[in-house]
Amino acid sequence: MIREALPTLTPCHCGVLRQASRHVSLAYDAALAPVGLKTTQMSLLVAIDQAEGGTTLQDLAKALVMDRSTLGKNLRPLEREGLVSILKGAADARRRQVSLTTDGRARLGKAIPLWQQAQTRLENAFGTKATAVLRENLFTLTTTKLN
């Protein structure tokens, strides 16, 4: 039987973005390992911290360009470790409010210098200007309607 060749997917923008993301995430994960955090957890803690007084799960998912089920899976370990608190909303019990605990704020404080070192290593390896342009372009991409 002769198999028909499939069309090539190279270059695949999505594939290259995912590879780059994994490559950078591995470096940041290694940097954050001493405080027991992964890059995804650090992003969550920072986003929650920036939403002074907490935020809803829905708003947090939207800000992180993440679906609610994935957000829930990523928050559960942080809640088990006592780093975040997830409570029923005061005005609407159907909405969940997430905030950092005292332990969460302390862990984030320990993680920030390690994250800054990872940032510096990336900028030194890739170039400060190239890194800034990449970050700006990727942020623009996250706000561009693709469908």
C-alpha atoms as a PDB file:
ATOM      1  CA  MET A   1       0.000   0.000   0.000  1.00  0.00           C
ATOM      2  CA  ILE A   2       1.364   3.412  -0.965  1.00  0.00           C
ATOM      3  CA  ARG A   3       0.895   6.069   1.668  1.00  0.00           C
ATOM      4  CA  GLU A   4       0.079   9.563   0.517  1.00  0.00           C
ATOM      5  CA  ALA A   5       2.456  12.149   1.916  1.00  0.00           C
ATOM      6  CA  LEU A   6       0.939  14.663   4.285  1.00  0.00           C
ATOM      7  CA  PRO A   7       1.620  18.350   3.779  1.00  0.00           C
ATOM      8  CA  THR A   8       4.511  19.683   5.800  1.00  0.00           C
ATOM      9  CA  LEU A   9       3.750  21.881   8.805  1.00  0.00           C
ATOM     10  CA  THR A  10       7.127  23.543   8.872  1.00  0.00           C
ATOM     11  CA  PRO A  11       7.522  26.272   9.864  1.00  0.00           C
ATOM     12  CA  CYS A  12       4.736  25.959  12.414  1.00  0.00           C
ATOM     13  CA  HIS A  13       4.431  29.154  14.432  1.00  0.00           C
ATOM     14  CA  CYS A  14       2.584  27.375  17.229  1.00  0.00           C
ATOM     15  CA  GLY A  15       5.175  24.601  17.454  1.00  0.00           C
ATOM     16  CA  VAL A  16       8.096  27.008  17.640  1.00  0.00           C
ATOM     17  CA  LEU A  17       6.316  29.166  20.246  1.00  0.00           C
ATOM     18  CA  ARG A  18       5.655  26.075  22.364  1.00  0.00           C
ATOM     19  CA  GLN A  19       9.290  24.920  22.053  1.00  0.00           C
ATOM     20  CA  ALA A  20      10.553  28.360  23.053  1.00  0.00           C
ATOM     21  CA  SER A  21       8.108  28.443  25.936  1.00  0.00           C
ATOM     22  CA  ARG A  22       9.261  25.043  27.206  1.00  0.00           C
ATOM     23  CA  HIS A  23      12.923  26.042  26.807  1.00  0.00           C
ATOM     24  CA  VAL A  24      12.499  29.249  28.803  1.00  0.00           C
ATOM     25  CA  SER A  25      10.189  27.598  31.360  1.00  0.00           C
ATOM     26  CA  LEU A  26      12.810  24.934  32.113  1.00  0.00           C
ATOM     27  CA  ALA A  27      15.362  27.650  32.902  1.00  0.00           C
ATOM     28  CA  TYR A  28      12.945  29.563  35.133  1.00  0.00           C
ATOM     29  CA  ASP A  29      11.760  26.353  36.837  1.00  0.00           C
ATOM     30  CA  ALA A  30      15.373  25.521  37.681  1.00  0.00           C
ATOM     31  CA  ALA A  31      15.893  29.023  39.077  1.00  0.00           C
ATOM     32  CA  LEU A  32      12.744  28.794  41.229  1.00  0.00           C
ATOM     33  CA  ALA A  33      13.384  25.232  42.470  1.00  0.00           C
ATOM     34  CA  PRO A  34      15.045  26.345  45.735  1.00  0.00           C
ATOM     35  CA  VAL A  35      11.724  27.859  46.883  1.00  0.00           C
ATOM     36  CA  GLY A  36       9.625  24.966  45.583  1.00  0.00           C
ATOM     37  CA  LEU A  37       7.783  26.835  42.836  1.00  0.00           C
ATOM     38  CA  LYS A  38       7.297  26.250  39.130  1.00  0.00           C
ATOM     39  CA  THR A  39       7.047  29.035  36.582  1.00  0.00           C
ATOM     40  CA  THR A  40       3.286  28.557  36.255  1.00  0.00           C
ATOM     41  CA  GLN A  41       2.858  28.851  40.016  1.00  0.00           C
ATOM     42  CA  MET A  42       5.014  31.960  40.153  1.00  0.00           C
ATOM     43  CA  SER A  43       2.878  33.580  37.449  1.00  0.00           C
ATOM     44  CA  LEU A  44      -0.256  32.811  39.433  1.00  0.00           C
ATOM     45  CA  LEU A  45       1.149  34.175  42.689  1.00  0.00           C
ATOM     46  CA  VAL A  46       2.293  37.382  40.982  1.00  0.00           C
ATOM     47  CA  ALA A  47      -1.068  37.893  39.253  1.00  0.00           C
ATOM     48  CA  ILE A  48      -2.959  37.326  42.503  1.00  0.00           C
ATOM     49  CA  ASP A  49      -0.602  39.661  44.363  1.00  0.00           C
ATOM     50  CA  GLN A  50      -1.078  42.394  41.762  1.00  0.00           C
ATOM     51  CA  ALA A  51      -4.852  42.186  42.195  1.00  0.00           C
ATOM     52  CA  GLU A  52      -4.839  43.957  45.545  1.00  0.00           C
ATOM     53  CA  GLY A  53      -7.398  42.452  47.883  1.00  0.00           C
ATOM     54  CA  GLY A  54      -7.722  39.324  45.738  1.00  0.00           C
ATOM     55  CA  THR A  55      -9.460  38.555  42.480  1.00  0.00           C
ATOM     56  CA  THR A  56     -12.128  36.226  41.168  1.00  0.00           C
ATOM     57  CA  LEU A  57     -11.193  32.980  39.464  1.00  0.00           C
ATOM     58  CA  GLN A  58     -12.911  34.231  36.310  1.00  0.00           C
ATOM     59  CA  ASP A  59     -10.944  37.494  36.234  1.00  0.00           C
ATOM     60  CA  LEU A  60      -7.687  35.696  37.012  1.00  0.00           C
ATOM     61  CA  ALA A  61      -8.254  33.186  34.199  1.00  0.00           C
ATOM     62  CA  LYS A  62      -8.987  36.011  31.768  1.00  0.00           C
ATOM     63  CA  ALA A  63      -5.895  37.989  32.814  1.00  0.00           C
ATOM     64  CA  LEU A  64      -3.656  34.932  32.375  1.00  0.00           C
ATOM     65  CA  VAL A  65      -5.293  33.837  29.085  1.00  0.00           C
ATOM     66  CA  MET A  66      -6.166  30.520  30.699  1.00  0.00           C
ATOM     67  CA  ASP A  67      -9.372  28.494  30.883  1.00  0.00           C
ATOM     68  CA  ARG A  68     -10.973  28.066  34.305  1.00  0.00           C
ATOM     69  CA  SER A  69     -10.399  24.314  34.525  1.00  0.00           C
ATOM     70  CA  THR A  70      -6.655  24.712  33.880  1.00  0.00           C
ATOM     71  CA  LEU A  71      -6.541  27.551  36.388  1.00  0.00           C
ATOM     72  CA  GLY A  72      -8.224  25.344  38.968  1.00  0.00           C
ATOM     73  CA  LYS A  73      -5.715  22.534  38.407  1.00  0.00           C
ATOM     74  CA  ASN A  74      -2.844  24.997  38.829  1.00  0.00           C
ATOM     75  CA  LEU A  75      -4.318  26.620  41.950  1.00  0.00           C
ATOM     76  CA  ARG A  76      -5.052  23.399  43.858  1.00  0.00           C
ATOM     77  CA  PRO A  77      -1.416  22.657  44.830  1.00  0.00           C
ATOM     78  CA  LEU A  78      -0.955  26.282  45.911  1.00  0.00           C
ATOM     79  CA  GLU A  79      -4.088  26.057  48.040  1.00  0.00           C
ATOM     80  CA  ARG A  80      -2.949  22.716  49.569  1.00  0.00           C
ATOM     81  CA  GLU A  81       0.376  24.318  50.483  1.00  0.00           C
ATOM     82  CA  GLY A  82      -1.451  27.228  52.115  1.00  0.00           C
ATOM     83  CA  LEU A  83      -0.093  29.799  49.652  1.00  0.00           C
ATOM     84  CA  VAL A  84      -3.480  30.934  48.333  1.00  0.00           C
ATOM     85  CA  SER A  85      -6.946  31.124  49.784  1.00  0.00           C
ATOM     86  CA  ILE A  86     -10.038  30.433  47.666  1.00  0.00           C
ATOM     87  CA  LEU A  87     -13.295  31.547  49.279  1.00  0.00           C
ATOM     88  CA  LYS A  88     -16.874  32.175  48.230  1.00  0.00           C
ATOM     89  CA  GLY A  89     -17.418  35.728  47.053  1.00  0.00           C
ATOM     90  CA  ALA A  90     -18.935  38.106  49.606  1.00  0.00           C
ATOM     91  CA  ALA A  91     -21.468  39.577  47.167  1.00  0.00           C
ATOM     92  CA  ASP A  92     -22.103  36.390  45.167  1.00  0.00           C
ATOM     93  CA  ALA A  93     -21.430  32.962  46.707  1.00  0.00           C
ATOM     94  CA  ARG A  94     -21.224  31.405  43.217  1.00  0.00           C
ATOM     95  CA  ARG A  95     -18.083  33.403  42.470  1.00  0.00           C
ATOM     96  CA  ARG A  96     -14.809  32.295  44.005  1.00  0.00           C
ATOM     97  CA  GLN A  97     -12.384  34.884  45.355  1.00  0.00           C
ATOM     98  CA  VAL A  98      -8.678  33.994  45.392  1.00  0.00           C
ATOM     99  CA  SER A  99      -6.029  35.812  47.411  1.00  0.00           C
ATOM    100  CA  LEU A 100      -2.523  35.252  48.709  1.00  0.00           C
ATOM    101  CA  THR A 101      -2.070  34.026  52.245  1.00  0.00           C
ATOM    102  CA  THR A 102       0.672  35.306  54.521  1.00  0.00           C
ATOM    103  CA  ASP A 103       2.715  32.205  53.602  1.00  0.00           C
ATOM    104  CA  GLY A 104       2.031  32.842  49.911  1.00  0.00           C
ATOM    105  CA  ARG A 105       3.287  36.408  50.171  1.00  0.00           C
ATOM    106  CA  ALA A 106       6.403  35.204  52.029  1.00  0.00           C
ATOM    107  CA  ARG A 107       7.137  32.504  49.426  1.00  0.00           C
ATOM    108  CA  LEU A 108       6.658  35.024  46.636  1.00  0.00           C
ATOM    109  CA  GLY A 109       9.087  37.362  48.397  1.00  0.00           C
ATOM    110  CA  LYS A 110      11.717  34.597  48.437  1.00  0.00           C
ATOM    111  CA  ALA A 111      11.047  33.708  44.793  1.00  0.00           C
ATOM    112  CA  ILE A 112      11.312  37.197  43.309  1.00  0.00           C
ATOM    113  CA  PRO A 113      15.133  37.491  43.583  1.00  0.00           C
ATOM    114  CA  LEU A 114      15.506  34.043  41.956  1.00  0.00           C
ATOM    115  CA  TRP A 115      13.107  35.063  39.192  1.00  0.00           C
ATOM    116  CA  GLN A 116      15.094  38.292  38.695  1.00  0.00           C
ATOM    117  CA  GLN A 117      18.286  36.235  38.297  1.00  0.00           C
ATOM    118  CA  ALA A 118      16.563  34.104  35.639  1.00  0.00           C
ATOM    119  CA  GLN A 119      15.411  37.291  33.881  1.00  0.00           C
ATOM    120  CA  THR A 120      18.967  38.614  33.858  1.00  0.00           C
ATOM    121  CA  ARG A 121      20.352  35.320  32.511  1.00  0.00           C
ATOM    122  CA  LEU A 122      17.799  35.338  29.680  1.00  0.00           C
ATOM    123  CA  GLU A 123      18.565  38.963  28.816  1.00  0.00           C
ATOM    124  CA  ASN A 124      22.312  38.294  28.866  1.00  0.00           C
ATOM    125  CA  ALA A 125      21.942  35.220  26.656  1.00  0.00           C
ATOM    126  CA  PHE A 126      19.418  36.624  24.168  1.00  0.00           C
ATOM    127  CA  GLY A 127      20.239  40.323  24.387  1.00  0.00           C
ATOM    128  CA  THR A 128      18.497  43.042  26.365  1.00  0.00           C
ATOM    129  CA  LYS A 129      17.008  44.772  23.329  1.00  0.00           C
ATOM    130  CA  ALA A 130      15.974  41.510  21.631  1.00  0.00           C
ATOM    131  CA  THR A 131      14.345  40.339  24.866  1.00  0.00           C
ATOM    132  CA  ALA A 132      12.396  43.594  25.209  1.00  0.00           C
ATOM    133  CA  VAL A 133      11.199  43.395  21.587  1.00  0.00           C
ATOM    134  CA  LEU A 134      10.246  39.736  22.018  1.00  0.00           C
ATOM    135  CA  ARG A 135       8.288  40.470  25.206  1.00  0.00           C
ATOM    136  CA  GLU A 136       6.454  43.358  23.535  1.00  0.00           C
ATOM    137  CA  ASN A 137       5.615  41.267  20.465  1.00  0.00           C
ATOM    138  CA  LEU A 138       4.440  38.313  22.528  1.00  0.00           C
ATOM    139  CA  PHE A 139       2.251  40.551  24.681  1.00  0.00           C
ATOM    140  CA  THR A 140       0.743  42.048  21.529  1.00  0.00           C
ATOM    141  CA  LEU A 141       0.122  38.517  20.269  1.00  0.00           C
ATOM    142  CA  THR A 142      -1.798  37.634  23.457  1.00  0.00           C
ATOM    143  CA  THR A 143      -4.206  40.503  22.765  1.00  0.00           C
ATOM    144  CA  THR A 144      -4.591  39.858  19.019  1.00  0.00           C
ATOM    145  CA  LYS A 145      -7.842  38.215  17.933  1.00  0.00           C
ATOM    146  CA  LEU A 146      -6.932  35.021  16.055  1.00  0.00           C
ATOM    147  CA  ASN A 147     -10.397  33.566  15.513  1.00  0.00           C
END
